[in-house]
C-alpha atoms as a PDB file:
ATOM      1  CA  MET A   1      64.798   9.204-249.466  1.00  0.00           C
ATOM      2  CA  ARG A   2      67.094   6.840-247.789  1.00  0.00           C
ATOM      3  CA  ARG A   3      65.816   3.995-245.730  1.00  0.00           C
ATOM      4  CA  ARG A   4      67.531   2.846-242.635  1.00  0.00           C
ATOM      5  CA  ARG A   5      68.509  -0.761-242.265  1.00  0.00           C
ATOM      6  CA  LEU A   6      67.239  -2.469-239.168  1.00  0.00           C
ATOM      7  CA  GLY A   7      69.722  -4.724-237.425  1.00  0.00           C
ATOM      8  CA  ALA A   8      73.442  -4.988-237.856  1.00  0.00           C
ATOM      9  CA  ASP A   9      75.012  -2.734-240.408  1.00  0.00           C
ATOM     10  CA  ASP A  10      78.086  -4.851-241.015  1.00  0.00           C
ATOM     11  CA  GLY A  11      76.196  -7.862-242.433  1.00  0.00           C
ATOM     12  CA  GLU A  12      76.214 -10.128-239.366  1.00  0.00           C
ATOM     13  CA  ALA A  13      73.273 -12.497-239.176  1.00  0.00           C
ATOM     14  CA  SER A  14      71.445 -12.456-235.905  1.00  0.00           C
ATOM     15  CA  GLU A  15      71.763 -15.718-233.965  1.00  0.00           C
ATOM     16  CA  VAL A  16      69.473 -17.226-231.379  1.00  0.00           C
ATOM     17  CA  ASN A  17      71.217 -18.003-228.113  1.00  0.00           C
ATOM     18  CA  LEU A  18      70.227 -21.561-227.113  1.00  0.00           C
ATOM     19  CA  THR A  19      72.102 -21.614-223.811  1.00  0.00           C
ATOM     20  CA  PRO A  20      69.146 -20.513-221.613  1.00  0.00           C
ATOM     21  CA  MET A  21      66.869 -23.065-223.255  1.00  0.00           C
ATOM     22  CA  LEU A  22      69.396 -25.874-222.689  1.00  0.00           C
ATOM     23  CA  ASP A  23      69.768 -24.811-219.061  1.00  0.00           C
ATOM     24  CA  VAL A  24      66.010 -25.063-218.559  1.00  0.00           C
ATOM     25  CA  VAL A  25      65.880 -28.481-220.241  1.00  0.00           C
ATOM     26  CA  PHE A  26      68.686 -29.831-218.067  1.00  0.00           C
ATOM     27  CA  ILE A  27      67.092 -28.463-214.897  1.00  0.00           C
ATOM     28  CA  MET A  28      63.784 -30.109-215.843  1.00  0.00           C
ATOM     29  CA  LEU A  29      65.588 -33.375-216.557  1.00  0.00           C
ATOM     30  CA  ILE A  30      67.265 -33.310-213.144  1.00  0.00           C
ATOM     31  CA  PHE A  31      63.934 -32.470-211.497  1.00  0.00           C
ATOM     32  CA  PHE A  32      62.164 -35.445-213.100  1.00  0.00           C
ATOM     33  CA  ILE A  33      65.003 -37.837-212.309  1.00  0.00           C
ATOM     34  CA  VAL A  34      65.050 -36.799-208.648  1.00  0.00           C
ATOM     35  CA  THR A  35      61.283 -36.879-208.174  1.00  0.00           C
ATOM     36  CA  THR A  36      60.733 -40.231-209.892  1.00  0.00           C
ATOM     37  CA  SER A  37      60.110 -42.962-207.397  1.00  0.00           C
ATOM     38  CA  PHE A  38      62.337 -45.955-207.862  1.00  0.00           C
ATOM     39  CA  ILE A  39      60.125 -48.870-206.830  1.00  0.00           C
ATOM     40  CA  LYS A  40      61.368 -52.388-207.322  1.00  0.00           C
ATOM     41  CA  GLU A  41      58.824 -54.627-208.918  1.00  0.00           C
ATOM     42  CA  SER A  42      58.857 -58.377-209.242  1.00  0.00           C
ATOM     43  CA  GLY A  43      58.078 -58.385-212.970  1.00  0.00           C
ATOM     44  CA  VAL A  44      54.669 -60.080-212.867  1.00  0.00           C
ATOM     45  CA  GLU A  45      51.231 -59.021-211.720  1.00  0.00           C
ATOM     46  CA  ILE A  46      50.558 -60.475-208.262  1.00  0.00           C
ATOM     47  CA  GLU A  47      47.356 -60.240-206.235  1.00  0.00           C
ATOM     48  CA  ARG A  48      48.688 -60.130-202.692  1.00  0.00           C
ATOM     49  CA  PRO A  49      46.723 -61.433-199.730  1.00  0.00           C
ATOM     50  CA  GLU A  50      45.438 -58.822-197.285  1.00  0.00           C
ATOM     51  CA  SER A  51      46.612 -58.371-193.717  1.00  0.00           C
ATOM     52  CA  SER A  52      45.777 -55.807-191.050  1.00  0.00           C
ATOM     53  CA  ALA A  53      49.321 -56.082-189.655  1.00  0.00           C
ATOM     54  CA  ALA A  54      51.134 -55.414-192.957  1.00  0.00           C
ATOM     55  CA  THR A  55      53.963 -52.882-192.681  1.00  0.00           C
ATOM     56  CA  PRO A  56      55.956 -51.287-195.517  1.00  0.00           C
ATOM     57  CA  ARG A  57      59.482 -52.609-196.245  1.00  0.00           C
ATOM     58  CA  PRO A  58      61.261 -49.989-198.362  1.00  0.00           C
ATOM     59  CA  ASP A  59      64.662 -51.620-197.795  1.00  0.00           C
ATOM     60  CA  ALA A  60      63.900 -54.692-199.915  1.00  0.00           C
ATOM     61  CA  GLN A  61      66.826 -55.458-202.160  1.00  0.00           C
ATOM     62  CA  VAL A  62      65.453 -58.446-204.103  1.00  0.00           C
ATOM     63  CA  MET A  63      61.845 -59.177-205.068  1.00  0.00           C
ATOM     64  CA  VAL A  64      60.700 -62.776-205.580  1.00  0.00           C
ATOM     65  CA  ALA A  65      57.230 -63.421-207.025  1.00  0.00           C
ATOM     66  CA  ILE A  66      55.159 -66.598-207.082  1.00  0.00           C
ATOM     67  CA  THR A  67      52.365 -66.659-209.669  1.00  0.00           C
ATOM     68  CA  PRO A  68      49.076 -68.568-209.302  1.00  0.00           C
ATOM     69  CA  GLU A  69      50.364 -71.070-211.890  1.00  0.00           C
ATOM     70  CA  GLY A  70      53.398 -71.880-209.725  1.00  0.00           C
ATOM     71  CA  ALA A  71      56.048 -69.962-211.671  1.00  0.00           C
ATOM     72  CA  VAL A  72      58.773 -68.261-209.658  1.00  0.00           C
ATOM     73  CA  TRP A  73      60.174 -64.892-210.762  1.00  0.00           C
ATOM     74  CA  VAL A  74      63.288 -63.168-209.375  1.00  0.00           C
ATOM     75  CA  ASP A  75      63.682 -59.474-210.222  1.00  0.00           C
ATOM     76  CA  GLY A  76      61.617 -59.718-213.408  1.00  0.00           C
ATOM     77  CA  ARG A  77      63.022 -63.012-214.741  1.00  0.00           C
ATOM     78  CA  ALA A  78      61.432 -66.442-214.571  1.00  0.00           C
ATOM     79  CA  VAL A  79      63.625 -68.815-212.557  1.00  0.00           C
ATOM     80  CA  ASP A  80      63.509 -72.561-212.008  1.00  0.00           C
ATOM     81  CA  LEU A  81      62.448 -73.503-208.476  1.00  0.00           C
ATOM     82  CA  HIS A  82      65.689 -75.396-207.883  1.00  0.00           C
ATOM     83  CA  ARG A  83      67.804 -72.333-208.753  1.00  0.00           C
ATOM     84  CA  VAL A  84      65.895 -69.747-206.698  1.00  0.00           C
ATOM     85  CA  GLY A  85      68.313 -69.866-203.765  1.00  0.00           C
ATOM     86  CA  SER A  86      71.448 -69.362-205.829  1.00  0.00           C
ATOM     87  CA  GLU A  87      69.844 -66.590-207.917  1.00  0.00           C
ATOM     88  CA  VAL A  88      68.702 -64.672-204.833  1.00  0.00           C
ATOM     89  CA  ALA A  89      72.002 -65.208-202.998  1.00  0.00           C
ATOM     90  CA  GLY A  90      73.846 -63.749-205.987  1.00  0.00           C
ATOM     91  CA  LEU A  91      71.686 -60.613-205.996  1.00  0.00           C
ATOM     92  CA  VAL A  92      71.369 -59.817-202.302  1.00  0.00           C
ATOM     93  CA  SER A  93      74.148 -58.196-200.289  1.00  0.00           C
ATOM     94  CA  GLU A  94      75.219 -59.219-196.802  1.00  0.00           C
ATOM     95  CA  ASP A  95      72.718 -56.975-195.016  1.00  0.00           C
ATOM     96  CA  GLY A  96      70.067 -56.918-197.754  1.00  0.00           C
ATOM     97  CA  SER A  97      66.592 -58.372-197.503  1.00  0.00           C
ATOM     98  CA  VAL A  98      64.296 -60.368-199.763  1.00  0.00           C
ATOM     99  CA  VAL A  99      60.550 -59.804-200.166  1.00  0.00           C
ATOM    100  CA  ILE A 100      58.486 -62.702-201.471  1.00  0.00           C
ATOM    101  CA  GLN A 101      55.262 -61.751-203.233  1.00  0.00           C
ATOM    102  CA  ALA A 102      53.064 -64.825-203.368  1.00  0.00           C
ATOM    103  CA  ASP A 103      49.759 -64.546-205.212  1.00  0.00           C
ATOM    104  CA  ARG A 104      46.728 -65.325-203.073  1.00  0.00           C
ATOM    105  CA  GLU A 105      45.916 -68.212-205.455  1.00  0.00           C
ATOM    106  CA  SER A 106      49.380 -69.821-205.215  1.00  0.00           C
ATOM    107  CA  THR A 107      49.954 -72.802-202.949  1.00  0.00           C
ATOM    108  CA  THR A 108      51.376 -72.462-199.476  1.00  0.00           C
ATOM    109  CA  GLY A 109      53.652 -75.440-200.112  1.00  0.00           C
ATOM    110  CA  LEU A 110      55.376 -73.630-202.965  1.00  0.00           C
ATOM    111  CA  LEU A 111      55.846 -70.533-200.797  1.00  0.00           C
ATOM    112  CA  ILE A 112      57.447 -72.605-198.031  1.00  0.00           C
ATOM    113  CA  GLU A 113      59.689 -74.395-200.541  1.00  0.00           C
ATOM    114  CA  VAL A 114      60.878 -71.079-202.010  1.00  0.00           C
ATOM    115  CA  MET A 115      61.556 -69.747-198.502  1.00  0.00           C
ATOM    116  CA  ASP A 116      63.514 -72.895-197.603  1.00  0.00           C
ATOM    117  CA  ARG A 117      65.656 -72.692-200.743  1.00  0.00           C
ATOM    118  CA  ILE A 118      66.440 -69.020-200.101  1.00  0.00           C
ATOM    119  CA  ARG A 119      67.305 -69.736-196.456  1.00  0.00           C
ATOM    120  CA  GLU A 120      69.527 -72.686-197.497  1.00  0.00           C
ATOM    121  CA  ALA A 121      71.430 -70.288-199.761  1.00  0.00           C
ATOM    122  CA  GLY A 122      72.352 -68.221-196.696  1.00  0.00           C
ATOM    123  CA  VAL A 123      69.795 -65.401-196.866  1.00  0.00           C
ATOM    124  CA  GLU A 124      68.141 -64.829-193.484  1.00  0.00           C
ATOM    125  CA  GLN A 125      66.319 -61.500-194.010  1.00  0.00           C
ATOM    126  CA  MET A 126      63.021 -62.494-195.661  1.00  0.00           C
ATOM    127  CA  ALA A 127      59.486 -61.143-195.635  1.00  0.00           C
ATOM    128  CA  VAL A 128      56.247 -62.168-197.310  1.00  0.00           C
ATOM    129  CA  ALA A 129      54.377 -59.291-198.997  1.00  0.00           C
ATOM    130  CA  ALA A 130      50.749 -58.544-198.187  1.00  0.00           C
ATOM    131  CA  SER A 131      48.372 -55.689-198.926  1.00  0.00           C
ATOM    132  CA  ARG A 132      47.114 -53.703-195.965  1.00  0.00           C
ATOM    133  CA  SER A 133      43.438 -54.472-195.384  1.00  0.00           C
ATOM    134  CA  ARG A 134      41.069 -51.519-195.412  1.00  0.00           C
ATOM    135  CA  SER A 135      39.153 -52.409-192.255  1.00  0.00           C
END
């Protein structure tokens, strides 16, 4: 009895077509990139004060953080207080805005000094971050 050979008779090895799998992987990659939220963070953990009048500012271009210890951070890097204005002015565009996240334990004097140095550098669009109170 003769047995039949399954598959190709001329000796070709069967190959797996990876094109559909690569298409699916690329589509998933695009989906995750598009759906990821791009939130700017200041680089340090800040406990913001609460306010009932707090409104979201999604157009913030530069984030400045003031820690309870008095350290000032600009876009994730620690910056000397005397250089805050020049650092922020170099990062913000003409119509961009700056959001200052001051920890509730930081001093008001330091917040005012940071705001003054940023304003002296020519940046007028500033806001102080607060968490919306739950009441």
